[in-house]
Amino acid sequence: EGIASAGKPRSELFVTTKLGKLPEGKTVRDTLVESLKKLRLDYVDL
């Protein structure tokens, strides 16, 4: 929300997130897709 409201172009930002504990039955990709939805981003830089 903070990233979206600041209005800076995505290409000018560097965004990191980190993998937490993997819930049973979920892949790393599953958790990243959830993170990207929350972050409102198509990718993270790190």
ModelCIF file with pLDDT and N, C-alpha, C, O atoms, coordinates in Angstrom:
data_MODEL
#
_entry.id   MODEL 
#
_entity.id                         1 
_entity.type                       polymer 
_entity.pdbx_number_of_molecules   1 
#
_entity_poly.entity_id                      1 
_entity_poly.type                           'polypeptide(L)' 
_entity_poly.nstd_linkage                   no 
_entity_poly.nstd_monomer                   no 
_entity_poly.pdbx_seq_one_letter_code       EGIASAGKPRSELFVTTKLGKLPEGKTVRDTLVESLKKLRLDYVDL 
_entity_poly.pdbx_seq_one_letter_code_can   EGIASAGKPRSELFVTTKLGKLPEGKTVRDTLVESLKKLRLDYVDL 
_entity_poly.pdbx_strand_id                 A 
#
loop_
_entity_poly_seq.entity_id 
_entity_poly_seq.num 
_entity_poly_seq.mon_id 
_entity_poly_seq.hetero 
1 1  GLU n 
1 2  GLY n 
1 3  ILE n 
1 4  ALA n 
1 5  SER n 
1 6  ALA n 
1 7  GLY n 
1 8  LYS n 
1 9  PRO n 
1 10 ARG n 
1 11 SER n 
1 12 GLU n 
1 13 LEU n 
1 14 PHE n 
1 15 VAL n 
1 16 THR n 
1 17 THR n 
1 18 LYS n 
1 19 LEU n 
1 20 GLY n 
1 21 LYS n 
1 22 LEU n 
1 23 PRO n 
1 24 GLU n 
1 25 GLY n 
1 26 LYS n 
1 27 THR n 
1 28 VAL n 
1 29 ARG n 
1 30 ASP n 
1 31 THR n 
1 32 LEU n 
1 33 VAL n 
1 34 GLU n 
1 35 SER n 
1 36 LEU n 
1 37 LYS n 
1 38 LYS n 
1 39 LEU n 
1 40 ARG n 
1 41 LEU n 
1 42 ASP n 
1 43 TYR n 
1 44 VAL n 
1 45 ASP n 
1 46 LEU n 
#
_struct_asym.id          A 
_struct_asym.entity_id   1 
#
loop_
_ma_qa_metric.id 
_ma_qa_metric.mode 
_ma_qa_metric.name 
_ma_qa_metric.software_group_id 
_ma_qa_metric.type 
1 global pLDDT . pLDDT 
2 local  pLDDT . pLDDT 
#
_ma_qa_metric_global.metric_id      1 
_ma_qa_metric_global.metric_value   95.22 
_ma_qa_metric_global.model_id       1 
_ma_qa_metric_global.ordinal_id     1 
#
loop_
_ma_qa_metric_local.label_asym_id 
_ma_qa_metric_local.label_comp_id 
_ma_qa_metric_local.label_seq_id 
_ma_qa_metric_local.metric_id 
_ma_qa_metric_local.metric_value 
_ma_qa_metric_local.model_id 
_ma_qa_metric_local.ordinal_id 
A GLU 1  2 95.00 1 1  
A GLY 2  2 94.00 1 2  
A ILE 3  2 96.00 1 3  
A ALA 4  2 95.00 1 4  
A SER 5  2 94.00 1 5  
A ALA 6  2 94.00 1 6  
A GLY 7  2 92.00 1 7  
A LYS 8  2 94.00 1 8  
A PRO 9  2 94.00 1 9  
A ARG 10 2 94.00 1 10 
A SER 11 2 94.00 1 11 
A GLU 12 2 93.00 1 12 
A LEU 13 2 95.00 1 13 
A PHE 14 2 96.00 1 14 
A VAL 15 2 97.00 1 15 
A THR 16 2 96.00 1 16 
A THR 17 2 97.00 1 17 
A LYS 18 2 96.00 1 18 
A LEU 19 2 97.00 1 19 
A GLY 20 2 94.00 1 20 
A LYS 21 2 93.00 1 21 
A LEU 22 2 92.00 1 22 
A PRO 23 2 89.00 1 23 
A GLU 24 2 88.00 1 24 
A GLY 25 2 90.00 1 25 
A LYS 26 2 94.00 1 26 
A THR 27 2 96.00 1 27 
A VAL 28 2 96.00 1 28 
A ARG 29 2 97.00 1 29 
A ASP 30 2 97.00 1 30 
A THR 31 2 96.00 1 31 
A LEU 32 2 97.00 1 32 
A VAL 33 2 98.00 1 33 
A GLU 34 2 96.00 1 34 
A SER 35 2 97.00 1 35 
A LEU 36 2 97.00 1 36 
A LYS 37 2 97.00 1 37 
A LYS 38 2 96.00 1 38 
A LEU 39 2 95.00 1 39 
A ARG 40 2 96.00 1 40 
A LEU 41 2 97.00 1 41 
A ASP 42 2 97.00 1 42 
A TYR 43 2 98.00 1 43 
A VAL 44 2 98.00 1 44 
A ASP 45 2 98.00 1 45 
A LEU 46 2 98.00 1 46 
#
loop_
_atom_site.group_PDB 
_atom_site.id 
_atom_site.type_symbol 
_atom_site.label_atom_id 
_atom_site.label_alt_id 
_atom_site.label_comp_id 
_atom_site.label_asym_id 
_atom_site.label_entity_id 
_atom_site.label_seq_id 
_atom_site.pdbx_PDB_ins_code 
_atom_site.Cartn_x 
_atom_site.Cartn_y 
_atom_site.Cartn_z 
_atom_site.occupancy 
_atom_site.B_iso_or_equiv 
_atom_site.pdbx_formal_charge 
_atom_site.auth_seq_id 
_atom_site.auth_comp_id 
_atom_site.auth_asym_id 
_atom_site.auth_atom_id 
_atom_site.pdbx_PDB_model_num 
ATOM 1   N N  . GLU A 1 1  ? 0.844  -1.204  0.000   1.00 95.00 ? 1  GLU A N  1 
ATOM 2   C CA . GLU A 1 1  ? 0.000  0.000   0.000   1.00 95.00 ? 1  GLU A CA 1 
ATOM 3   C C  . GLU A 1 1  ? 0.881  1.256   0.000   1.00 95.00 ? 1  GLU A C  1 
ATOM 4   O O  . GLU A 1 1  ? 0.614  2.216   -0.723  1.00 95.00 ? 1  GLU A O  1 
ATOM 5   N N  . GLY A 1 2  ? 1.937  1.231   0.825   1.00 94.00 ? 2  GLY A N  1 
ATOM 6   C CA . GLY A 1 2  ? 2.857  2.373   0.896   1.00 94.00 ? 2  GLY A CA 1 
ATOM 7   C C  . GLY A 1 2  ? 3.549  2.623   -0.434  1.00 94.00 ? 2  GLY A C  1 
ATOM 8   O O  . GLY A 1 2  ? 3.697  3.768   -0.862  1.00 94.00 ? 2  GLY A O  1 
ATOM 9   N N  . ILE A 1 3  ? 3.973  1.538   -1.088  1.00 96.00 ? 3  ILE A N  1 
ATOM 10  C CA . ILE A 1 3  ? 4.628  1.648   -2.401  1.00 96.00 ? 3  ILE A CA 1 
ATOM 11  C C  . ILE A 1 3  ? 3.653  2.254   -3.417  1.00 96.00 ? 3  ILE A C  1 
ATOM 12  O O  . ILE A 1 3  ? 4.004  3.162   -4.170  1.00 96.00 ? 3  ILE A O  1 
ATOM 13  N N  . ALA A 1 4  ? 2.415  1.729   -3.420  1.00 95.00 ? 4  ALA A N  1 
ATOM 14  C CA . ALA A 1 4  ? 1.410  2.204   -4.391  1.00 95.00 ? 4  ALA A CA 1 
ATOM 15  C C  . ALA A 1 4  ? 1.081  3.686   -4.159  1.00 95.00 ? 4  ALA A C  1 
ATOM 16  O O  . ALA A 1 4  ? 0.981  4.466   -5.106  1.00 95.00 ? 4  ALA A O  1 
ATOM 17  N N  . SER A 1 5  ? 0.913  4.063   -2.873  1.00 94.00 ? 5  SER A N  1 
ATOM 18  C CA . SER A 1 5  ? 0.488  5.437   -2.587  1.00 94.00 ? 5  SER A CA 1 
ATOM 19  C C  . SER A 1 5  ? 1.604  6.453   -2.824  1.00 94.00 ? 5  SER A C  1 
ATOM 20  O O  . SER A 1 5  ? 1.330  7.635   -3.031  1.00 94.00 ? 5  SER A O  1 
ATOM 21  N N  . ALA A 1 6  ? 2.853  6.005   -2.794  1.00 94.00 ? 6  ALA A N  1 
ATOM 22  C CA . ALA A 1 6  ? 3.968  6.936   -3.043  1.00 94.00 ? 6  ALA A CA 1 
ATOM 23  C C  . ALA A 1 6  ? 4.034  7.332   -4.513  1.00 94.00 ? 6  ALA A C  1 
ATOM 24  O O  . ALA A 1 6  ? 4.527  8.407   -4.855  1.00 94.00 ? 6  ALA A O  1 
ATOM 25  N N  . GLY A 1 7  ? 3.525  6.443   -5.389  1.00 92.00 ? 7  GLY A N  1 
ATOM 26  C CA . GLY A 1 7  ? 3.410  6.780   -6.806  1.00 92.00 ? 7  GLY A CA 1 
ATOM 27  C C  . GLY A 1 7  ? 4.720  6.816   -7.593  1.00 92.00 ? 7  GLY A C  1 
ATOM 28  O O  . GLY A 1 7  ? 4.769  7.365   -8.694  1.00 92.00 ? 7  GLY A O  1 
ATOM 29  N N  . LYS A 1 8  ? 5.765  6.241   -7.038  1.00 94.00 ? 8  LYS A N  1 
ATOM 30  C CA . LYS A 1 8  ? 7.054  6.221   -7.754  1.00 94.00 ? 8  LYS A CA 1 
ATOM 31  C C  . LYS A 1 8  ? 7.029  5.088   -8.775  1.00 94.00 ? 8  LYS A C  1 
ATOM 32  O O  . LYS A 1 8  ? 6.504  4.016   -8.476  1.00 94.00 ? 8  LYS A O  1 
ATOM 33  N N  . PRO A 1 9  ? 7.579  5.292   -9.969  1.00 94.00 ? 9  PRO A N  1 
ATOM 34  C CA . PRO A 1 9  ? 7.566  4.208   -10.959 1.00 94.00 ? 9  PRO A CA 1 
ATOM 35  C C  . PRO A 1 9  ? 8.258  2.948   -10.408 1.00 94.00 ? 9  PRO A C  1 
ATOM 36  O O  . PRO A 1 9  ? 9.283  3.031   -9.732  1.00 94.00 ? 9  PRO A O  1 
ATOM 37  N N  . ARG A 1 10 ? 7.674  1.795   -10.712 1.00 94.00 ? 10 ARG A N  1 
ATOM 38  C CA . ARG A 1 10 ? 8.208  0.525   -10.213 1.00 94.00 ? 10 ARG A CA 1 
ATOM 39  C C  . ARG A 1 10 ? 9.674  0.341   -10.608 1.00 94.00 ? 10 ARG A C  1 
ATOM 40  O O  . ARG A 1 10 ? 10.469 -0.189  -9.832  1.00 94.00 ? 10 ARG A O  1 
ATOM 41  N N  . SER A 1 11 ? 10.024 0.775   -11.803 1.00 94.00 ? 11 SER A N  1 
ATOM 42  C CA . SER A 1 11 ? 11.390 0.566   -12.304 1.00 94.00 ? 11 SER A CA 1 
ATOM 43  C C  . SER A 1 11 ? 12.432 1.327   -11.478 1.00 94.00 ? 11 SER A C  1 
ATOM 44  O O  . SER A 1 11 ? 13.622 1.022   -11.546 1.00 94.00 ? 11 SER A O  1 
ATOM 45  N N  . GLU A 1 12 ? 11.983 2.317   -10.699 1.00 93.00 ? 12 GLU A N  1 
ATOM 46  C CA . GLU A 1 12 ? 12.914 3.118   -9.899  1.00 93.00 ? 12 GLU A CA 1 
ATOM 47  C C  . GLU A 1 12 ? 13.060 2.583   -8.470  1.00 93.00 ? 12 GLU A C  1 
ATOM 48  O O  . GLU A 1 12 ? 13.855 3.100   -7.685  1.00 93.00 ? 12 GLU A O  1 
ATOM 49  N N  . LEU A 1 13 ? 12.290 1.548   -8.142  1.00 95.00 ? 13 LEU A N  1 
ATOM 50  C CA . LEU A 1 13 ? 12.331 0.999   -6.790  1.00 95.00 ? 13 LEU A CA 1 
ATOM 51  C C  . LEU A 1 13 ? 13.072 -0.340  -6.754  1.00 95.00 ? 13 LEU A C  1 
ATOM 52  O O  . LEU A 1 13 ? 13.169 -1.044  -7.759  1.00 95.00 ? 13 LEU A O  1 
ATOM 53  N N  . PHE A 1 14 ? 13.587 -0.667  -5.582  1.00 96.00 ? 14 PHE A N  1 
ATOM 54  C CA . PHE A 1 14 ? 14.240 -1.961  -5.345  1.00 96.00 ? 14 PHE A CA 1 
ATOM 55  C C  . PHE A 1 14 ? 13.532 -2.575  -4.141  1.00 96.00 ? 14 PHE A C  1 
ATOM 56  O O  . PHE A 1 14 ? 13.669 -2.092  -3.017  1.00 96.00 ? 14 PHE A O  1 
ATOM 57  N N  . VAL A 1 15 ? 12.773 -3.647  -4.387  1.00 97.00 ? 15 VAL A N  1 
ATOM 58  C CA . VAL A 1 15 ? 11.935 -4.225  -3.320  1.00 97.00 ? 15 VAL A CA 1 
ATOM 59  C C  . VAL A 1 15 ? 12.408 -5.648  -2.989  1.00 97.00 ? 15 VAL A C  1 
ATOM 60  O O  . VAL A 1 15 ? 12.582 -6.488  -3.871  1.00 97.00 ? 15 VAL A O  1 
ATOM 61  N N  . THR A 1 16 ? 12.606 -5.883  -1.701  1.00 96.00 ? 16 THR A N  1 
ATOM 62  C CA . THR A 1 16 ? 13.022 -7.197  -1.192  1.00 96.00 ? 16 THR A CA 1 
ATOM 63  C C  . THR A 1 16 ? 11.908 -7.794  -0.354  1.00 96.00 ? 16 THR A C  1 
ATOM 64  O O  . THR A 1 16 ? 11.243 -7.075  0.392   1.00 96.00 ? 16 THR A O  1 
ATOM 65  N N  . THR A 1 17 ? 11.693 -9.100  -0.462  1.00 97.00 ? 17 THR A N  1 
ATOM 66  C CA . THR A 1 17 ? 10.942 -9.805  0.570   1.00 97.00 ? 17 THR A CA 1 
ATOM 67  C C  . THR A 1 17 ? 11.673 -11.107 0.877   1.00 97.00 ? 17 THR A C  1 
ATOM 68  O O  . THR A 1 17 ? 12.616 -11.493 0.186   1.00 97.00 ? 17 THR A O  1 
ATOM 69  N N  . LYS A 1 18 ? 11.206 -11.773 1.937   1.00 96.00 ? 18 LYS A N  1 
ATOM 70  C CA . LYS A 1 18 ? 11.938 -12.951 2.424   1.00 96.00 ? 18 LYS A CA 1 
ATOM 71  C C  . LYS A 1 18 ? 10.962 -14.084 2.704   1.00 96.00 ? 18 LYS A C  1 
ATOM 72  O O  . LYS A 1 18 ? 9.839  -13.877 3.164   1.00 96.00 ? 18 LYS A O  1 
ATOM 73  N N  . LEU A 1 19 ? 11.434 -15.282 2.410   1.00 97.00 ? 19 LEU A N  1 
ATOM 74  C CA . LEU A 1 19 ? 10.634 -16.487 2.650   1.00 97.00 ? 19 LEU A CA 1 
ATOM 75  C C  . LEU A 1 19 ? 10.580 -16.795 4.148   1.00 97.00 ? 19 LEU A C  1 
ATOM 76  O O  . LEU A 1 19 ? 11.609 -16.851 4.821   1.00 97.00 ? 19 LEU A O  1 
ATOM 77  N N  . GLY A 1 20 ? 9.357  -16.994 4.658   1.00 94.00 ? 20 GLY A N  1 
ATOM 78  C CA . GLY A 1 20 ? 9.198  -17.424 6.046   1.00 94.00 ? 20 GLY A CA 1 
ATOM 79  C C  . GLY A 1 20 ? 9.184  -18.950 6.119   1.00 94.00 ? 20 GLY A C  1 
ATOM 80  O O  . GLY A 1 20 ? 9.737  -19.625 5.252   1.00 94.00 ? 20 GLY A O  1 
ATOM 81  N N  . LYS A 1 21 ? 8.548  -19.485 7.161   1.00 93.00 ? 21 LYS A N  1 
ATOM 82  C CA . LYS A 1 21 ? 8.409  -20.946 7.248   1.00 93.00 ? 21 LYS A CA 1 
ATOM 83  C C  . LYS A 1 21 ? 7.461  -21.403 6.148   1.00 93.00 ? 21 LYS A C  1 
ATOM 84  O O  . LYS A 1 21 ? 6.458  -20.748 5.864   1.00 93.00 ? 21 LYS A O  1 
ATOM 85  N N  . LEU A 1 22 ? 7.792  -22.533 5.534   1.00 92.00 ? 22 LEU A N  1 
ATOM 86  C CA . LEU A 1 22 ? 6.919  -23.038 4.460   1.00 92.00 ? 22 LEU A CA 1 
ATOM 87  C C  . LEU A 1 22 ? 5.736  -23.777 5.067   1.00 92.00 ? 22 LEU A C  1 
ATOM 88  O O  . LEU A 1 22 ? 5.927  -24.785 5.748   1.00 92.00 ? 22 LEU A O  1 
ATOM 89  N N  . PRO A 1 23 ? 4.509  -23.296 4.833   1.00 89.00 ? 23 PRO A N  1 
ATOM 90  C CA . PRO A 1 23 ? 3.348  -24.035 5.343   1.00 89.00 ? 23 PRO A CA 1 
ATOM 91  C C  . PRO A 1 23 ? 3.263  -25.415 4.681   1.00 89.00 ? 23 PRO A C  1 
ATOM 92  O O  . PRO A 1 23 ? 3.675  -25.599 3.536   1.00 89.00 ? 23 PRO A O  1 
ATOM 93  N N  . GLU A 1 24 ? 2.726  -26.364 5.421   1.00 88.00 ? 24 GLU A N  1 
ATOM 94  C CA . GLU A 1 24 ? 2.574  -27.744 4.933   1.00 88.00 ? 24 GLU A CA 1 
ATOM 95  C C  . GLU A 1 24 ? 1.875  -27.746 3.577   1.00 88.00 ? 24 GLU A C  1 
ATOM 96  O O  . GLU A 1 24 ? 0.831  -27.119 3.398   1.00 88.00 ? 24 GLU A O  1 
ATOM 97  N N  . GLY A 1 25 ? 2.471  -28.465 2.626   1.00 90.00 ? 25 GLY A N  1 
ATOM 98  C CA . GLY A 1 25 ? 1.808  -28.627 1.322   1.00 90.00 ? 25 GLY A CA 1 
ATOM 99  C C  . GLY A 1 25 ? 1.998  -27.460 0.363   1.00 90.00 ? 25 GLY A C  1 
ATOM 100 O O  . GLY A 1 25 ? 1.489  -27.496 -0.757  1.00 90.00 ? 25 GLY A O  1 
ATOM 101 N N  . LYS A 1 26 ? 2.722  -26.425 0.784   1.00 94.00 ? 26 LYS A N  1 
ATOM 102 C CA . LYS A 1 26 ? 2.941  -25.272 -0.105  1.00 94.00 ? 26 LYS A CA 1 
ATOM 103 C C  . LYS A 1 26 ? 4.376  -25.252 -0.624  1.00 94.00 ? 26 LYS A C  1 
ATOM 104 O O  . LYS A 1 26 ? 5.311  -25.665 0.063   1.00 94.00 ? 26 LYS A O  1 
ATOM 105 N N  . THR A 1 27 ? 4.523  -24.765 -1.847  1.00 96.00 ? 27 THR A N  1 
ATOM 106 C CA . THR A 1 27 ? 5.864  -24.610 -2.427  1.00 96.00 ? 27 THR A CA 1 
ATOM 107 C C  . THR A 1 27 ? 6.349  -23.186 -2.139  1.00 96.00 ? 27 THR A C  1 
ATOM 108 O O  . THR A 1 27 ? 5.581  -22.320 -1.720  1.00 96.00 ? 27 THR A O  1 
ATOM 109 N N  . VAL A 1 28 ? 7.636  -22.974 -2.376  1.00 96.00 ? 28 VAL A N  1 
ATOM 110 C CA . VAL A 1 28 ? 8.193  -21.623 -2.239  1.00 96.00 ? 28 VAL A CA 1 
ATOM 111 C C  . VAL A 1 28 ? 7.447  -20.684 -3.190  1.00 96.00 ? 28 VAL A C  1 
ATOM 112 O O  . VAL A 1 28 ? 7.135  -19.547 -2.837  1.00 96.00 ? 28 VAL A O  1 
ATOM 113 N N  . ARG A 1 29 ? 7.166  -21.176 -4.401  1.00 97.00 ? 29 ARG A N  1 
ATOM 114 C CA . ARG A 1 29 ? 6.460  -20.347 -5.392  1.00 97.00 ? 29 ARG A CA 1 
ATOM 115 C C  . ARG A 1 29 ? 5.080  -19.926 -4.888  1.00 97.00 ? 29 ARG A C  1 
ATOM 116 O O  . ARG A 1 29 ? 4.676  -18.776 -5.062  1.00 97.00 ? 29 ARG A O  1 
ATOM 117 N N  . ASP A 1 30 ? 4.358  -20.859 -4.264  1.00 97.00 ? 30 ASP A N  1 
ATOM 118 C CA . ASP A 1 30 ? 3.021  -20.525 -3.730  1.00 97.00 ? 30 ASP A CA 1 
ATOM 119 C C  . ASP A 1 30 ? 3.110  -19.320 -2.788  1.00 97.00 ? 30 ASP A C  1 
ATOM 120 O O  . ASP A 1 30 ? 2.310  -18.388 -2.869  1.00 97.00 ? 30 ASP A O  1 
ATOM 121 N N  . THR A 1 31 ? 4.103  -19.362 -1.894  1.00 96.00 ? 31 THR A N  1 
ATOM 122 C CA . THR A 1 31 ? 4.210  -18.271 -0.906  1.00 96.00 ? 31 THR A CA 1 
ATOM 123 C C  . THR A 1 31 ? 4.641  -16.970 -1.574  1.00 96.00 ? 31 THR A C  1 
ATOM 124 O O  . THR A 1 31 ? 4.203  -15.893 -1.169  1.00 96.00 ? 31 THR A O  1 
ATOM 125 N N  . LEU A 1 32 ? 5.495  -17.058 -2.592  1.00 97.00 ? 32 LEU A N  1 
ATOM 126 C CA . LEU A 1 32 ? 5.934  -15.841 -3.285  1.00 97.00 ? 32 LEU A CA 1 
ATOM 127 C C  . LEU A 1 32 ? 4.771  -15.206 -4.041  1.00 97.00 ? 32 LEU A C  1 
ATOM 128 O O  . LEU A 1 32 ? 4.613  -13.985 -4.035  1.00 97.00 ? 32 LEU A O  1 
ATOM 129 N N  . VAL A 1 33 ? 3.965  -16.032 -4.687  1.00 98.00 ? 33 VAL A N  1 
ATOM 130 C CA . VAL A 1 33 ? 2.793  -15.505 -5.414  1.00 98.00 ? 33 VAL A CA 1 
ATOM 131 C C  . VAL A 1 33 ? 1.873  -14.756 -4.445  1.00 98.00 ? 33 VAL A C  1 
ATOM 132 O O  . VAL A 1 33 ? 1.350  -13.692 -4.778  1.00 98.00 ? 33 VAL A O  1 
ATOM 133 N N  . GLU A 1 34 ? 1.677  -15.316 -3.246  1.00 96.00 ? 34 GLU A N  1 
ATOM 134 C CA . GLU A 1 34 ? 0.870  -14.628 -2.215  1.00 96.00 ? 34 GLU A CA 1 
ATOM 135 C C  . GLU A 1 34 ? 1.520  -13.302 -1.830  1.00 96.00 ? 34 GLU A C  1 
ATOM 136 O O  . GLU A 1 34 ? 0.841  -12.283 -1.707  1.00 96.00 ? 34 GLU A O  1 
ATOM 137 N N  . SER A 1 35 ? 2.842  -13.322 -1.639  1.00 97.00 ? 35 SER A N  1 
ATOM 138 C CA . SER A 1 35 ? 3.565  -12.085 -1.281  1.00 97.00 ? 35 SER A CA 1 
ATOM 139 C C  . SER A 1 35 ? 3.405  -11.029 -2.370  1.00 97.00 ? 35 SER A C  1 
ATOM 140 O O  . SER A 1 35 ? 3.155  -9.860  -2.074  1.00 97.00 ? 35 SER A O  1 
ATOM 141 N N  . LEU A 1 36 ? 3.547  -11.438 -3.626  1.00 97.00 ? 36 LEU A N  1 
ATOM 142 C CA . LEU A 1 36 ? 3.439  -10.477 -4.729  1.00 97.00 ? 36 LEU A CA 1 
ATOM 143 C C  . LEU A 1 36 ? 2.048  -9.858  -4.787  1.00 97.00 ? 36 LEU A C  1 
ATOM 144 O O  . LEU A 1 36 ? 1.901  -8.673  -5.087  1.00 97.00 ? 36 LEU A O  1 
ATOM 145 N N  . LYS A 1 37 ? 1.022  -10.668 -4.498  1.00 97.00 ? 37 LYS A N  1 
ATOM 146 C CA . LYS A 1 37 ? -0.356 -10.126 -4.460  1.00 97.00 ? 37 LYS A CA 1 
ATOM 147 C C  . LYS A 1 37 ? -0.459 -9.046  -3.388  1.00 97.00 ? 37 LYS A C  1 
ATOM 148 O O  . LYS A 1 37 ? -0.997 -7.965  -3.629  1.00 97.00 ? 37 LYS A O  1 
ATOM 149 N N  . LYS A 1 38 ? 0.068  -9.355  -2.193  1.00 96.00 ? 38 LYS A N  1 
ATOM 150 C CA . LYS A 1 38 ? 0.016  -8.385  -1.087  1.00 96.00 ? 38 LYS A CA 1 
ATOM 151 C C  . LYS A 1 38 ? 0.809  -7.129  -1.424  1.00 96.00 ? 38 LYS A C  1 
ATOM 152 O O  . LYS A 1 38 ? 0.384  -6.015  -1.117  1.00 96.00 ? 38 LYS A O  1 
ATOM 153 N N  . LEU A 1 39 ? 1.958  -7.316  -2.055  1.00 95.00 ? 39 LEU A N  1 
ATOM 154 C CA . LEU A 1 39 ? 2.831  -6.190  -2.394  1.00 95.00 ? 39 LEU A CA 1 
ATOM 155 C C  . LEU A 1 39 ? 2.331  -5.409  -3.611  1.00 95.00 ? 39 LEU A C  1 
ATOM 156 O O  . LEU A 1 39 ? 2.794  -4.301  -3.886  1.00 95.00 ? 39 LEU A O  1 
ATOM 157 N N  . ARG A 1 40 ? 1.372  -6.009  -4.339  1.00 96.00 ? 40 ARG A N  1 
ATOM 158 C CA . ARG A 1 40 ? 0.805  -5.422  -5.564  1.00 96.00 ? 40 ARG A CA 1 
ATOM 159 C C  . ARG A 1 40 ? 1.896  -5.253  -6.633  1.00 96.00 ? 40 ARG A C  1 
ATOM 160 O O  . ARG A 1 40 ? 1.941  -4.253  -7.349  1.00 96.00 ? 40 ARG A O  1 
ATOM 161 N N  . LEU A 1 41 ? 2.766  -6.255  -6.714  1.00 97.00 ? 41 LEU A N  1 
ATOM 162 C CA . LEU A 1 41 ? 3.882  -6.208  -7.654  1.00 97.00 ? 41 LEU A CA 1 
ATOM 163 C C  . LEU A 1 41 ? 3.895  -7.454  -8.532  1.00 97.00 ? 41 LEU A C  1 
ATOM 164 O O  . LEU A 1 41 ? 3.340  -8.490  -8.166  1.00 97.00 ? 41 LEU A O  1 
ATOM 165 N N  . ASP A 1 42 ? 4.536  -7.342  -9.700  1.00 97.00 ? 42 ASP A N  1 
ATOM 166 C CA . ASP A 1 42 ? 4.692  -8.486  -10.605 1.00 97.00 ? 42 ASP A CA 1 
ATOM 167 C C  . ASP A 1 42 ? 5.961  -9.275  -10.294 1.00 97.00 ? 42 ASP A C  1 
ATOM 168 O O  . ASP A 1 42 ? 6.077  -10.447 -10.652 1.00 97.00 ? 42 ASP A O  1 
ATOM 169 N N  . TYR A 1 43 ? 6.911  -8.620  -9.623  1.00 98.00 ? 43 TYR A N  1 
ATOM 170 C CA . TYR A 1 43 ? 8.182  -9.273  -9.278  1.00 98.00 ? 43 TYR A CA 1 
ATOM 171 C C  . TYR A 1 43 ? 8.785  -8.539  -8.083  1.00 98.00 ? 43 TYR A C  1 
ATOM 172 O O  . TYR A 1 43 ? 8.407  -7.407  -7.781  1.00 98.00 ? 43 TYR A O  1 
ATOM 173 N N  . VAL A 1 44 ? 9.732  -9.200  -7.405  1.00 98.00 ? 44 VAL A N  1 
ATOM 174 C CA . VAL A 1 44 ? 10.559 -8.494  -6.426  1.00 98.00 ? 44 VAL A CA 1 
ATOM 175 C C  . VAL A 1 44 ? 11.996 -8.454  -6.952  1.00 98.00 ? 44 VAL A C  1 
ATOM 176 O O  . VAL A 1 44 ? 12.413 -9.319  -7.721  1.00 98.00 ? 44 VAL A O  1 
ATOM 177 N N  . ASP A 1 45 ? 12.730 -7.450  -6.530  1.00 98.00 ? 45 ASP A N  1 
ATOM 178 C CA . ASP A 1 45 ? 14.117 -7.311  -6.974  1.00 98.00 ? 45 ASP A CA 1 
ATOM 179 C C  . ASP A 1 45 ? 15.031 -8.299  -6.262  1.00 98.00 ? 45 ASP A C  1 
ATOM 180 O O  . ASP A 1 45 ? 16.038 -8.738  -6.816  1.00 98.00 ? 45 ASP A O  1 
ATOM 181 N N  . LEU A 1 46 ? 14.667 -8.647  -5.020  1.00 98.00 ? 46 LEU A N  1 
ATOM 182 C CA . LEU A 1 46 ? 15.498 -9.557  -4.239  1.00 98.00 ? 46 LEU A CA 1 
ATOM 183 C C  . LEU A 1 46 ? 14.601 -10.417 -3.344  1.00 98.00 ? 46 LEU A C  1 
ATOM 184 O O  . LEU A 1 46 ? 15.099 -11.258 -2.596  1.00 98.00 ? 46 LEU A O  1 
#
